[in-house]
Amino acid sequence: MNWIELTSATELAAIKELSKTRPQVIFKHSTRCSISSMAKSRLERDAPPKTADFYLLDLIKYRSISNLIVEEFSVVHESPQILLIKNTLCVYNESHTGIKMDDIAEQTDNN
């Protein structure tokens, strides 16, 4: 898995713009949470869909970006959390043990 680090509001704006032509996936990861580490490890063991870009947000370091995601995409904050962004909207999100690459791939293809 080649994560793209998400570290700024400018990058989040770019993700929204990119989502108009290609699905964008954001994984909100807490480095202090064992469930988040488990979800990240599980994602990294599976092949991601080649049709999407995958971003990793360290929400301990970049809490303000996590808060901005809540505002921009009208989602409830959870950790860990996966969000699929298409056409500037969050069309799918899941958290905790519900985070599975197969589901992300299916949603990437369906939405």
PDB file of N, CA and C in Angstrom:
ATOM      1  N   MET A   1       0.859  -1.178   0.000  1.00  0.00           N
ATOM      2  CA  MET A   1       0.000   0.000   0.000  1.00  0.00           C
ATOM      3  C   MET A   1       0.897   1.230   0.000  1.00  0.00           C
ATOM      4  N   ASN A   2       0.666   2.087  -0.949  1.00  0.00           N
ATOM      5  CA  ASN A   2       1.406   3.342  -1.017  1.00  0.00           C
ATOM      6  C   ASN A   2       0.501   4.474  -0.558  1.00  0.00           C
ATOM      7  N   TRP A   3       0.525   4.738   0.734  1.00  0.00           N
ATOM      8  CA  TRP A   3      -0.280   5.809   1.308  1.00  0.00           C
ATOM      9  C   TRP A   3       0.256   7.159   0.863  1.00  0.00           C
ATOM     10  N   ILE A   4      -0.649   8.078   0.623  1.00  0.00           N
ATOM     11  CA  ILE A   4      -0.299   9.474   0.410  1.00  0.00           C
ATOM     12  C   ILE A   4      -0.660  10.183   1.711  1.00  0.00           C
ATOM     13  N   GLU A   5       0.310  10.823   2.342  1.00  0.00           N
ATOM     14  CA  GLU A   5       0.023  11.485   3.612  1.00  0.00           C
ATOM     15  C   GLU A   5      -0.834  12.725   3.395  1.00  0.00           C
ATOM     16  N   LEU A   6      -1.838  12.858   4.241  1.00  0.00           N
ATOM     17  CA  LEU A   6      -2.719  14.027   4.231  1.00  0.00           C
ATOM     18  C   LEU A   6      -2.344  14.874   5.443  1.00  0.00           C
ATOM     19  N   THR A   7      -1.818  16.069   5.193  1.00  0.00           N
ATOM     20  CA  THR A   7      -1.285  16.879   6.289  1.00  0.00           C
ATOM     21  C   THR A   7      -1.756  18.336   6.281  1.00  0.00           C
ATOM     22  N   SER A   8      -2.578  18.722   5.293  1.00  0.00           N
ATOM     23  CA  SER A   8      -2.972  20.134   5.237  1.00  0.00           C
ATOM     24  C   SER A   8      -4.360  20.316   4.628  1.00  0.00           C
ATOM     25  N   ALA A   9      -4.933  21.463   4.919  1.00  0.00           N
ATOM     26  CA  ALA A   9      -6.231  21.824   4.345  1.00  0.00           C
ATOM     27  C   ALA A   9      -6.122  21.980   2.831  1.00  0.00           C
ATOM     28  N   THR A  10      -4.983  22.441   2.355  1.00  0.00           N
ATOM     29  CA  THR A  10      -4.756  22.575   0.910  1.00  0.00           C
ATOM     30  C   THR A  10      -4.827  21.213   0.226  1.00  0.00           C
ATOM     31  N   GLU A  11      -4.223  20.218   0.854  1.00  0.00           N
ATOM     32  CA  GLU A  11      -4.272  18.857   0.290  1.00  0.00           C
ATOM     33  C   GLU A  11      -5.695  18.313   0.315  1.00  0.00           C
ATOM     34  N   LEU A  12      -6.455  18.618   1.357  1.00  0.00           N
ATOM     35  CA  LEU A  12      -7.842  18.173   1.413  1.00  0.00           C
ATOM     36  C   LEU A  12      -8.660  18.807   0.290  1.00  0.00           C
ATOM     37  N   ALA A  13      -8.423  20.062   0.019  1.00  0.00           N
ATOM     38  CA  ALA A  13      -9.103  20.732  -1.100  1.00  0.00           C
ATOM     39  C   ALA A  13      -8.730  20.074  -2.423  1.00  0.00           C
ATOM     40  N   ALA A  14      -7.466  19.686  -2.555  1.00  0.00           N
ATOM     41  CA  ALA A  14      -7.019  19.005  -3.783  1.00  0.00           C
ATOM     42  C   ALA A  14      -7.694  17.638  -3.922  1.00  0.00           C
ATOM     43  N   ILE A  15      -7.877  16.936  -2.807  1.00  0.00           N
ATOM     44  CA  ILE A  15      -8.569  15.638  -2.825  1.00  0.00           C
ATOM     45  C   ILE A  15      -9.995  15.823  -3.350  1.00  0.00           C
ATOM     46  N   LYS A  16     -10.677  16.853  -2.868  1.00  0.00           N
ATOM     47  CA  LYS A  16     -12.039  17.124  -3.355  1.00  0.00           C
ATOM     48  C   LYS A  16     -12.032  17.356  -4.864  1.00  0.00           C
ATOM     49  N   GLU A  17     -11.079  18.126  -5.334  1.00  0.00           N
ATOM     50  CA  GLU A  17     -11.001  18.422  -6.774  1.00  0.00           C
ATOM     51  C   GLU A  17     -10.680  17.150  -7.571  1.00  0.00           C
ATOM     52  N   LEU A  18      -9.737  16.363  -7.085  1.00  0.00           N
ATOM     53  CA  LEU A  18      -9.370  15.114  -7.764  1.00  0.00           C
ATOM     54  C   LEU A  18     -10.539  14.128  -7.805  1.00  0.00           C
ATOM     55  N   SER A  19     -11.402  14.202  -6.798  1.00  0.00           N
ATOM     56  CA  SER A  19     -12.519  13.259  -6.725  1.00  0.00           C
ATOM     57  C   SER A  19     -13.524  13.441  -7.859  1.00  0.00           C
ATOM     58  N   LYS A  20     -13.399  14.528  -8.591  1.00  0.00           N
ATOM     59  CA  LYS A  20     -14.281  14.754  -9.743  1.00  0.00           C
ATOM     60  C   LYS A  20     -13.943  13.819 -10.895  1.00  0.00           C
ATOM     61  N   THR A  21     -12.701  13.316 -10.916  1.00  0.00           N
ATOM     62  CA  THR A  21     -12.276  12.452 -12.018  1.00  0.00           C
ATOM     63  C   THR A  21     -11.815  11.072 -11.564  1.00  0.00           C
ATOM     64  N   ARG A  22     -11.540  10.916 -10.268  1.00  0.00           N
ATOM     65  CA  ARG A  22     -11.018   9.641  -9.761  1.00  0.00           C
ATOM     66  C   ARG A  22     -11.404   9.517  -8.284  1.00  0.00           C
ATOM     67  N   PRO A  23     -11.899   8.351  -7.852  1.00  0.00           N
ATOM     68  CA  PRO A  23     -12.245   8.181  -6.440  1.00  0.00           C
ATOM     69  C   PRO A  23     -11.031   8.408  -5.531  1.00  0.00           C
ATOM     70  N   GLN A  24     -11.294   9.052  -4.393  1.00  0.00           N
ATOM     71  CA  GLN A  24     -10.263   9.339  -3.405  1.00  0.00           C
ATOM     72  C   GLN A  24     -10.692   8.698  -2.082  1.00  0.00           C
ATOM     73  N   VAL A  25      -9.765   8.013  -1.435  1.00  0.00           N
ATOM     74  CA  VAL A  25     -10.059   7.327  -0.184  1.00  0.00           C
ATOM     75  C   VAL A  25      -9.198   7.938   0.917  1.00  0.00           C
ATOM     76  N   ILE A  26      -9.827   8.286   2.027  1.00  0.00           N
ATOM     77  CA  ILE A  26      -9.113   8.832   3.178  1.00  0.00           C
ATOM     78  C   ILE A  26      -9.266   7.856   4.341  1.00  0.00           C
ATOM     79  N   PHE A  27      -8.135   7.473   4.917  1.00  0.00           N
ATOM     80  CA  PHE A  27      -8.147   6.639   6.120  1.00  0.00           C
ATOM     81  C   PHE A  27      -7.703   7.504   7.288  1.00  0.00           C
ATOM     82  N   LYS A  28      -8.620   7.746   8.215  1.00  0.00           N
ATOM     83  CA  LYS A  28      -8.306   8.506   9.420  1.00  0.00           C
ATOM     84  C   LYS A  28      -7.783   7.525  10.468  1.00  0.00           C
ATOM     85  N   HIS A  29      -6.530   7.688  10.823  1.00  0.00           N
ATOM     86  CA  HIS A  29      -5.817   6.727  11.664  1.00  0.00           C
ATOM     87  C   HIS A  29      -5.339   7.376  12.958  1.00  0.00           C
ATOM     88  N   SER A  30      -5.649   6.725  14.064  1.00  0.00           N
ATOM     89  CA  SER A  30      -5.125   7.154  15.356  1.00  0.00           C
ATOM     90  C   SER A  30      -3.940   6.267  15.725  1.00  0.00           C
ATOM     91  N   THR A  31      -2.780   6.879  15.861  1.00  0.00           N
ATOM     92  CA  THR A  31      -1.572   6.124  16.208  1.00  0.00           C
ATOM     93  C   THR A  31      -1.602   5.637  17.648  1.00  0.00           C
ATOM     94  N   ARG A  32      -2.581   6.051  18.425  1.00  0.00           N
ATOM     95  CA  ARG A  32      -2.706   5.637  19.830  1.00  0.00           C
ATOM     96  C   ARG A  32      -3.754   4.548  20.044  1.00  0.00           C
ATOM     97  N   CYS A  33      -4.346   4.072  18.975  1.00  0.00           N
ATOM     98  CA  CYS A  33      -5.478   3.146  19.086  1.00  0.00           C
ATOM     99  C   CYS A  33      -5.140   1.802  18.447  1.00  0.00           C
ATOM    100  N   SER A  34      -5.273   0.734  19.217  1.00  0.00           N
ATOM    101  CA  SER A  34      -4.955  -0.599  18.696  1.00  0.00           C
ATOM    102  C   SER A  34      -5.946  -1.037  17.617  1.00  0.00           C
ATOM    103  N   ILE A  35      -7.188  -0.640  17.726  1.00  0.00           N
ATOM    104  CA  ILE A  35      -8.172  -0.991  16.692  1.00  0.00           C
ATOM    105  C   ILE A  35      -7.812  -0.297  15.379  1.00  0.00           C
ATOM    106  N   SER A  36      -7.361   0.952  15.468  1.00  0.00           N
ATOM    107  CA  SER A  36      -6.946   1.677  14.277  1.00  0.00           C
ATOM    108  C   SER A  36      -5.729   1.009  13.635  1.00  0.00           C
ATOM    109  N   SER A  37      -4.780   0.585  14.456  1.00  0.00           N
ATOM    110  CA  SER A  37      -3.599  -0.116  13.935  1.00  0.00           C
ATOM    111  C   SER A  37      -3.988  -1.428  13.267  1.00  0.00           C
ATOM    112  N   MET A  38      -4.958  -2.132  13.850  1.00  0.00           N
ATOM    113  CA  MET A  38      -5.436  -3.382  13.266  1.00  0.00           C
ATOM    114  C   MET A  38      -6.106  -3.115  11.912  1.00  0.00           C
ATOM    115  N   ALA A  39      -6.946  -2.081  11.844  1.00  0.00           N
ATOM    116  CA  ALA A  39      -7.634  -1.754  10.595  1.00  0.00           C
ATOM    117  C   ALA A  39      -6.634  -1.357   9.509  1.00  0.00           C
ATOM    118  N   LYS A  40      -5.630  -0.573   9.881  1.00  0.00           N
ATOM    119  CA  LYS A  40      -4.600  -0.158   8.926  1.00  0.00           C
ATOM    120  C   LYS A  40      -3.822  -1.368   8.411  1.00  0.00           C
ATOM    121  N   SER A  41      -3.452  -2.257   9.313  1.00  0.00           N
ATOM    122  CA  SER A  41      -2.719  -3.468   8.936  1.00  0.00           C
ATOM    123  C   SER A  41      -3.548  -4.337   7.992  1.00  0.00           C
ATOM    124  N   ARG A  42      -4.829  -4.457   8.288  1.00  0.00           N
ATOM    125  CA  ARG A  42      -5.711  -5.260   7.441  1.00  0.00           C
ATOM    126  C   ARG A  42      -5.817  -4.650   6.045  1.00  0.00           C
ATOM    127  N   LEU A  43      -5.916  -3.332   5.956  1.00  0.00           N
ATOM    128  CA  LEU A  43      -5.955  -2.670   4.650  1.00  0.00           C
ATOM    129  C   LEU A  43      -4.665  -2.906   3.882  1.00  0.00           C
ATOM    130  N   GLU A  44      -3.540  -2.842   4.572  1.00  0.00           N
ATOM    131  CA  GLU A  44      -2.243  -2.981   3.924  1.00  0.00           C
ATOM    132  C   GLU A  44      -1.966  -4.402   3.444  1.00  0.00           C
ATOM    133  N   ARG A  45      -2.669  -5.376   3.981  1.00  0.00           N
ATOM    134  CA  ARG A  45      -2.491  -6.768   3.537  1.00  0.00           C
ATOM    135  C   ARG A  45      -3.234  -7.070   2.243  1.00  0.00           C
ATOM    136  N   ASP A  46      -4.236  -6.265   1.928  1.00  0.00           N
ATOM    137  CA  ASP A  46      -5.040  -6.486   0.726  1.00  0.00           C
ATOM    138  C   ASP A  46      -4.643  -5.503  -0.367  1.00  0.00           C
ATOM    139  N   ALA A  47      -4.845  -5.919  -1.597  1.00  0.00           N
ATOM    140  CA  ALA A  47      -4.530  -5.047  -2.735  1.00  0.00           C
ATOM    141  C   ALA A  47      -5.617  -3.983  -2.881  1.00  0.00           C
ATOM    142  N   PRO A  48      -5.216  -2.715  -2.924  1.00  0.00           N
ATOM    143  CA  PRO A  48      -6.214  -1.654  -3.108  1.00  0.00           C
ATOM    144  C   PRO A  48      -6.673  -1.594  -4.564  1.00  0.00           C
ATOM    145  N   PRO A  49      -7.888  -1.105  -4.792  1.00  0.00           N
ATOM    146  CA  PRO A  49      -8.313  -0.931  -6.182  1.00  0.00           C
ATOM    147  C   PRO A  49      -7.411   0.080  -6.875  1.00  0.00           C
ATOM    148  N   LYS A  50      -7.033  -0.223  -8.095  1.00  0.00           N
ATOM    149  CA  LYS A  50      -6.128   0.653  -8.839  1.00  0.00           C
ATOM    150  C   LYS A  50      -6.828   1.924  -9.330  1.00  0.00           C
ATOM    151  N   THR A  51      -8.130   1.959  -9.177  1.00  0.00           N
ATOM    152  CA  THR A  51      -8.906   3.089  -9.674  1.00  0.00           C
ATOM    153  C   THR A  51      -9.034   4.225  -8.660  1.00  0.00           C
ATOM    154  N   ALA A  52      -8.430   4.084  -7.472  1.00  0.00           N
ATOM    155  CA  ALA A  52      -8.567   5.096  -6.423  1.00  0.00           C
ATOM    156  C   ALA A  52      -7.205   5.451  -5.831  1.00  0.00           C
ATOM    157  N   ASP A  53      -7.137   6.652  -5.261  1.00  0.00           N
ATOM    158  CA  ASP A  53      -5.952   7.084  -4.518  1.00  0.00           C
ATOM    159  C   ASP A  53      -6.256   6.948  -3.033  1.00  0.00           C
ATOM    160  N   PHE A  54      -5.259   6.546  -2.257  1.00  0.00           N
ATOM    161  CA  PHE A  54      -5.443   6.300  -0.824  1.00  0.00           C
ATOM    162  C   PHE A  54      -4.591   7.256   0.009  1.00  0.00           C
ATOM    163  N   TYR A  55      -5.264   7.980   0.895  1.00  0.00           N
ATOM    164  CA  TYR A  55      -4.614   8.962   1.764  1.00  0.00           C
ATOM    165  C   TYR A  55      -4.671   8.490   3.210  1.00  0.00           C
ATOM    166  N   LEU A  56      -3.622   8.790   3.937  1.00  0.00           N
ATOM    167  CA  LEU A  56      -3.530   8.448   5.354  1.00  0.00           C
ATOM    168  C   LEU A  56      -3.462   9.739   6.154  1.00  0.00           C
ATOM    169  N   LEU A  57      -4.396   9.901   7.076  1.00  0.00           N
ATOM    170  CA  LEU A  57      -4.406  11.053   7.966  1.00  0.00           C
ATOM    171  C   LEU A  57      -4.079  10.585   9.378  1.00  0.00           C
ATOM    172  N   ASP A  58      -2.968  11.054   9.916  1.00  0.00           N
ATOM    173  CA  ASP A  58      -2.623  10.828  11.318  1.00  0.00           C
ATOM    174  C   ASP A  58      -3.430  11.847  12.114  1.00  0.00           C
ATOM    175  N   LEU A  59      -4.564  11.405  12.663  1.00  0.00           N
ATOM    176  CA  LEU A  59      -5.448  12.379  13.268  1.00  0.00           C
ATOM    177  C   LEU A  59      -4.982  12.856  14.640  1.00  0.00           C
ATOM    178  N   ILE A  60      -3.971  12.243  15.209  1.00  0.00           N
ATOM    179  CA  ILE A  60      -3.385  12.778  16.434  1.00  0.00           C
ATOM    180  C   ILE A  60      -2.550  14.014  16.082  1.00  0.00           C
ATOM    181  N   LYS A  61      -1.736  13.904  15.042  1.00  0.00           N
ATOM    182  CA  LYS A  61      -0.894  15.017  14.600  1.00  0.00           C
ATOM    183  C   LYS A  61      -1.693  16.121  13.906  1.00  0.00           C
ATOM    184  N   TYR A  62      -2.713  15.714  13.172  1.00  0.00           N
ATOM    185  CA  TYR A  62      -3.450  16.658  12.336  1.00  0.00           C
ATOM    186  C   TYR A  62      -4.937  16.658  12.678  1.00  0.00           C
ATOM    187  N   ARG A  63      -5.224  16.867  13.942  1.00  0.00           N
ATOM    188  CA  ARG A  63      -6.615  16.861  14.415  1.00  0.00           C
ATOM    189  C   ARG A  63      -7.447  17.924  13.699  1.00  0.00           C
ATOM    190  N   SER A  64      -6.837  19.060  13.398  1.00  0.00           N
ATOM    191  CA  SER A  64      -7.581  20.125  12.720  1.00  0.00           C
ATOM    192  C   SER A  64      -8.052  19.671  11.336  1.00  0.00           C
ATOM    193  N   ILE A  65      -7.270  18.836  10.664  1.00  0.00           N
ATOM    194  CA  ILE A  65      -7.677  18.314   9.347  1.00  0.00           C
ATOM    195  C   ILE A  65      -8.828  17.326   9.527  1.00  0.00           C
ATOM    196  N   SER A  66      -8.754  16.523  10.570  1.00  0.00           N
ATOM    197  CA  SER A  66      -9.845  15.603  10.877  1.00  0.00           C
ATOM    198  C   SER A  66     -11.140  16.378  11.121  1.00  0.00           C
ATOM    199  N   ASN A  67     -11.046  17.469  11.865  1.00  0.00           N
ATOM    200  CA  ASN A  67     -12.228  18.303  12.118  1.00  0.00           C
ATOM    201  C   ASN A  67     -12.748  18.917  10.817  1.00  0.00           C
ATOM    202  N   LEU A  68     -11.844  19.301   9.947  1.00  0.00           N
ATOM    203  CA  LEU A  68     -12.234  19.865   8.658  1.00  0.00           C
ATOM    204  C   LEU A  68     -12.950  18.822   7.794  1.00  0.00           C
ATOM    205  N   ILE A  69     -12.508  17.581   7.859  1.00  0.00           N
ATOM    206  CA  ILE A  69     -13.159  16.496   7.125  1.00  0.00           C
ATOM    207  C   ILE A  69     -14.609  16.346   7.580  1.00  0.00           C
ATOM    208  N   VAL A  70     -14.838  16.426   8.892  1.00  0.00           N
ATOM    209  CA  VAL A  70     -16.196  16.346   9.436  1.00  0.00           C
ATOM    210  C   VAL A  70     -17.065  17.440   8.814  1.00  0.00           C
ATOM    211  N   GLU A  71     -16.535  18.659   8.761  1.00  0.00           N
ATOM    212  CA  GLU A  71     -17.282  19.785   8.198  1.00  0.00           C
ATOM    213  C   GLU A  71     -17.483  19.649   6.690  1.00  0.00           C
ATOM    214  N   GLU A  72     -16.411  19.347   5.978  1.00  0.00           N
ATOM    215  CA  GLU A  72     -16.453  19.312   4.510  1.00  0.00           C
ATOM    216  C   GLU A  72     -17.365  18.212   3.967  1.00  0.00           C
ATOM    217  N   PHE A  73     -17.384  17.059   4.643  1.00  0.00           N
ATOM    218  CA  PHE A  73     -18.093  15.901   4.093  1.00  0.00           C
ATOM    219  C   PHE A  73     -19.314  15.487   4.913  1.00  0.00           C
ATOM    220  N   SER A  74     -19.657  16.276   5.916  1.00  0.00           N
ATOM    221  CA  SER A  74     -20.858  16.026   6.737  1.00  0.00           C
ATOM    222  C   SER A  74     -20.901  14.597   7.285  1.00  0.00           C
ATOM    223  N   VAL A  75     -19.780  14.186   7.877  1.00  0.00           N
ATOM    224  CA  VAL A  75     -19.709  12.870   8.511  1.00  0.00           C
ATOM    225  C   VAL A  75     -19.450  13.050  10.001  1.00  0.00           C
ATOM    226  N   VAL A  76     -19.818  12.047  10.766  1.00  0.00           N
ATOM    227  CA  VAL A  76     -19.529  12.028  12.189  1.00  0.00           C
ATOM    228  C   VAL A  76     -18.090  11.565  12.358  1.00  0.00           C
ATOM    229  N   HIS A  77     -17.336  12.218  13.232  1.00  0.00           N
ATOM    230  CA  HIS A  77     -15.942  11.811  13.483  1.00  0.00           C
ATOM    231  C   HIS A  77     -15.906  10.447  14.147  1.00  0.00           C
ATOM    232  N   GLU A  78     -15.104   9.560  13.573  1.00  0.00           N
ATOM    233  CA  GLU A  78     -14.819   8.272  14.184  1.00  0.00           C
ATOM    234  C   GLU A  78     -13.350   7.966  13.944  1.00  0.00           C
ATOM    235  N   SER A  79     -12.849   7.037  14.720  1.00  0.00           N
ATOM    236  CA  SER A  79     -11.449   6.645  14.578  1.00  0.00           C
ATOM    237  C   SER A  79     -11.296   5.189  14.991  1.00  0.00           C
ATOM    238  N   PRO A  80     -10.795   4.382  14.083  1.00  0.00           N
ATOM    239  CA  PRO A  80     -10.422   4.672  12.703  1.00  0.00           C
ATOM    240  C   PRO A  80     -11.656   4.854  11.831  1.00  0.00           C
ATOM    241  N   GLN A  81     -11.431   5.479  10.692  1.00  0.00           N
ATOM    242  CA  GLN A  81     -12.542   5.737   9.774  1.00  0.00           C
ATOM    243  C   GLN A  81     -12.007   5.783   8.348  1.00  0.00           C
ATOM    244  N   ILE A  82     -12.799   5.220   7.441  1.00  0.00           N
ATOM    245  CA  ILE A  82     -12.465   5.271   6.011  1.00  0.00           C
ATOM    246  C   ILE A  82     -13.558   6.077   5.315  1.00  0.00           C
ATOM    247  N   LEU A  83     -13.162   6.930   4.393  1.00  0.00           N
ATOM    248  CA  LEU A  83     -14.119   7.717   3.627  1.00  0.00           C
ATOM    249  C   LEU A  83     -13.794   7.586   2.150  1.00  0.00           C
ATOM    250  N   LEU A  84     -14.804   7.379   1.341  1.00  0.00           N
ATOM    251  CA  LEU A  84     -14.663   7.329  -0.115  1.00  0.00           C
ATOM    252  C   LEU A  84     -15.285   8.602  -0.680  1.00  0.00           C
ATOM    253  N   ILE A  85     -14.461   9.383  -1.361  1.00  0.00           N
ATOM    254  CA  ILE A  85     -14.894  10.664  -1.903  1.00  0.00           C
ATOM    255  C   ILE A  85     -14.987  10.558  -3.417  1.00  0.00           C
ATOM    256  N   LYS A  86     -16.178  10.893  -3.948  1.00  0.00           N
ATOM    257  CA  LYS A  86     -16.409  10.920  -5.394  1.00  0.00           C
ATOM    258  C   LYS A  86     -17.208  12.163  -5.718  1.00  0.00           C
ATOM    259  N   ASN A  87     -16.792  12.856  -6.758  1.00  0.00           N
ATOM    260  CA  ASN A  87     -17.501  14.071  -7.183  1.00  0.00           C
ATOM    261  C   ASN A  87     -17.713  15.043  -6.027  1.00  0.00           C
ATOM    262  N   THR A  88     -16.693  15.196  -5.202  1.00  0.00           N
ATOM    263  CA  THR A  88     -16.606  16.107  -4.050  1.00  0.00           C
ATOM    264  C   THR A  88     -17.443  15.688  -2.844  1.00  0.00           C
ATOM    265  N   LEU A  89     -18.112  14.536  -2.916  1.00  0.00           N
ATOM    266  CA  LEU A  89     -18.971  14.081  -1.821  1.00  0.00           C
ATOM    267  C   LEU A  89     -18.452  12.796  -1.211  1.00  0.00           C
ATOM    268  N   CYS A  90     -18.696  12.636   0.079  1.00  0.00           N
ATOM    269  CA  CYS A  90     -18.398  11.362   0.725  1.00  0.00           C
ATOM    270  C   CYS A  90     -19.566  10.424   0.429  1.00  0.00           C
ATOM    271  N   VAL A  91     -19.309   9.407  -0.385  1.00  0.00           N
ATOM    272  CA  VAL A  91     -20.362   8.482  -0.798  1.00  0.00           C
ATOM    273  C   VAL A  91     -20.368   7.201   0.023  1.00  0.00           C
ATOM    274  N   TYR A  92     -19.335   7.017   0.842  1.00  0.00           N
ATOM    275  CA  TYR A  92     -19.242   5.818   1.683  1.00  0.00           C
ATOM    276  C   TYR A  92     -18.285   6.122   2.823  1.00  0.00           C
ATOM    277  N   ASN A  93     -18.669   5.711   4.035  1.00  0.00           N
ATOM    278  CA  ASN A  93     -17.720   5.758   5.142  1.00  0.00           C
ATOM    279  C   ASN A  93     -18.012   4.606   6.082  1.00  0.00           C
ATOM    280  N   GLU A  94     -16.964   4.156   6.724  1.00  0.00           N
ATOM    281  CA  GLU A  94     -17.060   3.015   7.642  1.00  0.00           C
ATOM    282  C   GLU A  94     -16.024   3.220   8.732  1.00  0.00           C
ATOM    283  N   SER A  95     -16.240   2.544   9.845  1.00  0.00           N
ATOM    284  CA  SER A  95     -15.287   2.705  10.937  1.00  0.00           C
ATOM    285  C   SER A  95     -15.017   1.373  11.628  1.00  0.00           C
ATOM    286  N   HIS A  96     -13.989   1.401  12.441  1.00  0.00           N
ATOM    287  CA  HIS A  96     -13.580   0.294  13.297  1.00  0.00           C
ATOM    288  C   HIS A  96     -13.448  -1.017  12.518  1.00  0.00           C
ATOM    289  N   THR A  97     -14.042  -2.097  13.033  1.00  0.00           N
ATOM    290  CA  THR A  97     -13.869  -3.410  12.403  1.00  0.00           C
ATOM    291  C   THR A  97     -14.657  -3.542  11.097  1.00  0.00           C
ATOM    292  N   GLY A  98     -15.463  -2.549  10.764  1.00  0.00           N
ATOM    293  CA  GLY A  98     -16.194  -2.562   9.496  1.00  0.00           C
ATOM    294  C   GLY A  98     -15.347  -2.150   8.303  1.00  0.00           C
ATOM    295  N   ILE A  99     -14.111  -1.713   8.564  1.00  0.00           N
ATOM    296  CA  ILE A  99     -13.220  -1.270   7.484  1.00  0.00           C
ATOM    297  C   ILE A  99     -12.606  -2.486   6.801  1.00  0.00           C
ATOM    298  N   LYS A 100     -12.985  -2.688   5.530  1.00  0.00           N
ATOM    299  CA  LYS A 100     -12.487  -3.841   4.766  1.00  0.00           C
ATOM    300  C   LYS A 100     -12.202  -3.404   3.330  1.00  0.00           C
ATOM    301  N   MET A 101     -11.063  -3.819   2.808  1.00  0.00           N
ATOM    302  CA  MET A 101     -10.674  -3.427   1.457  1.00  0.00           C
ATOM    303  C   MET A 101     -11.684  -3.922   0.421  1.00  0.00           C
ATOM    304  N   ASP A 102     -12.233  -5.117   0.608  1.00  0.00           N
ATOM    305  CA  ASP A 102     -13.221  -5.629  -0.343  1.00  0.00           C
ATOM    306  C   ASP A 102     -14.419  -4.681  -0.444  1.00  0.00           C
ATOM    307  N   ASP A 103     -14.876  -4.177   0.697  1.00  0.00           N
ATOM    308  CA  ASP A 103     -16.013  -3.264   0.703  1.00  0.00           C
ATOM    309  C   ASP A 103     -15.651  -1.933   0.039  1.00  0.00           C
ATOM    310  N   ILE A 104     -14.441  -1.466   0.295  1.00  0.00           N
ATOM    311  CA  ILE A 104     -13.990  -0.218  -0.326  1.00  0.00           C
ATOM    312  C   ILE A 104     -13.945  -0.390  -1.845  1.00  0.00           C
ATOM    313  N   ALA A 105     -13.385  -1.501  -2.299  1.00  0.00           N
ATOM    314  CA  ALA A 105     -13.309  -1.773  -3.738  1.00  0.00           C
ATOM    315  C   ALA A 105     -14.698  -1.849  -4.359  1.00  0.00           C
ATOM    316  N   GLU A 106     -15.616  -2.513  -3.686  1.00  0.00           N
ATOM    317  CA  GLU A 106     -16.976  -2.628  -4.197  1.00  0.00           C
ATOM    318  C   GLU A 106     -17.636  -1.258  -4.282  1.00  0.00           C
ATOM    319  N   GLN A 107     -17.473  -0.449  -3.262  1.00  0.00           N
ATOM    320  CA  GLN A 107     -18.062   0.893  -3.260  1.00  0.00           C
ATOM    321  C   GLN A 107     -17.395   1.795  -4.300  1.00  0.00           C
ATOM    322  N   THR A 108     -16.117   1.605  -4.513  1.00  0.00           N
ATOM    323  CA  THR A 108     -15.396   2.400  -5.518  1.00  0.00           C
ATOM    324  C   THR A 108     -15.977   2.128  -6.901  1.00  0.00           C
ATOM    325  N   ASP A 109     -16.292   0.864  -7.165  1.00  0.00           N
ATOM    326  CA  ASP A 109     -16.831   0.476  -8.466  1.00  0.00           C
ATOM    327  C   ASP A 109     -18.303   0.847  -8.622  1.00  0.00           C
ATOM    328  N   ASN A 110     -19.058   0.814  -7.521  1.00  0.00           N
ATOM    329  CA  ASN A 110     -20.518   0.997  -7.595  1.00  0.00           C
ATOM    330  C   ASN A 110     -20.974   2.434  -7.568  1.00  0.00           C
ATOM    331  N   ASN A 111     -20.255   3.281  -6.900  1.00  0.00           N
ATOM    332  CA  ASN A 111     -20.759   4.663  -6.735  1.00  0.00           C
ATOM    333  C   ASN A 111     -20.315   5.565  -7.857  1.00  0.00           C
TER     334      ASN A 111
END
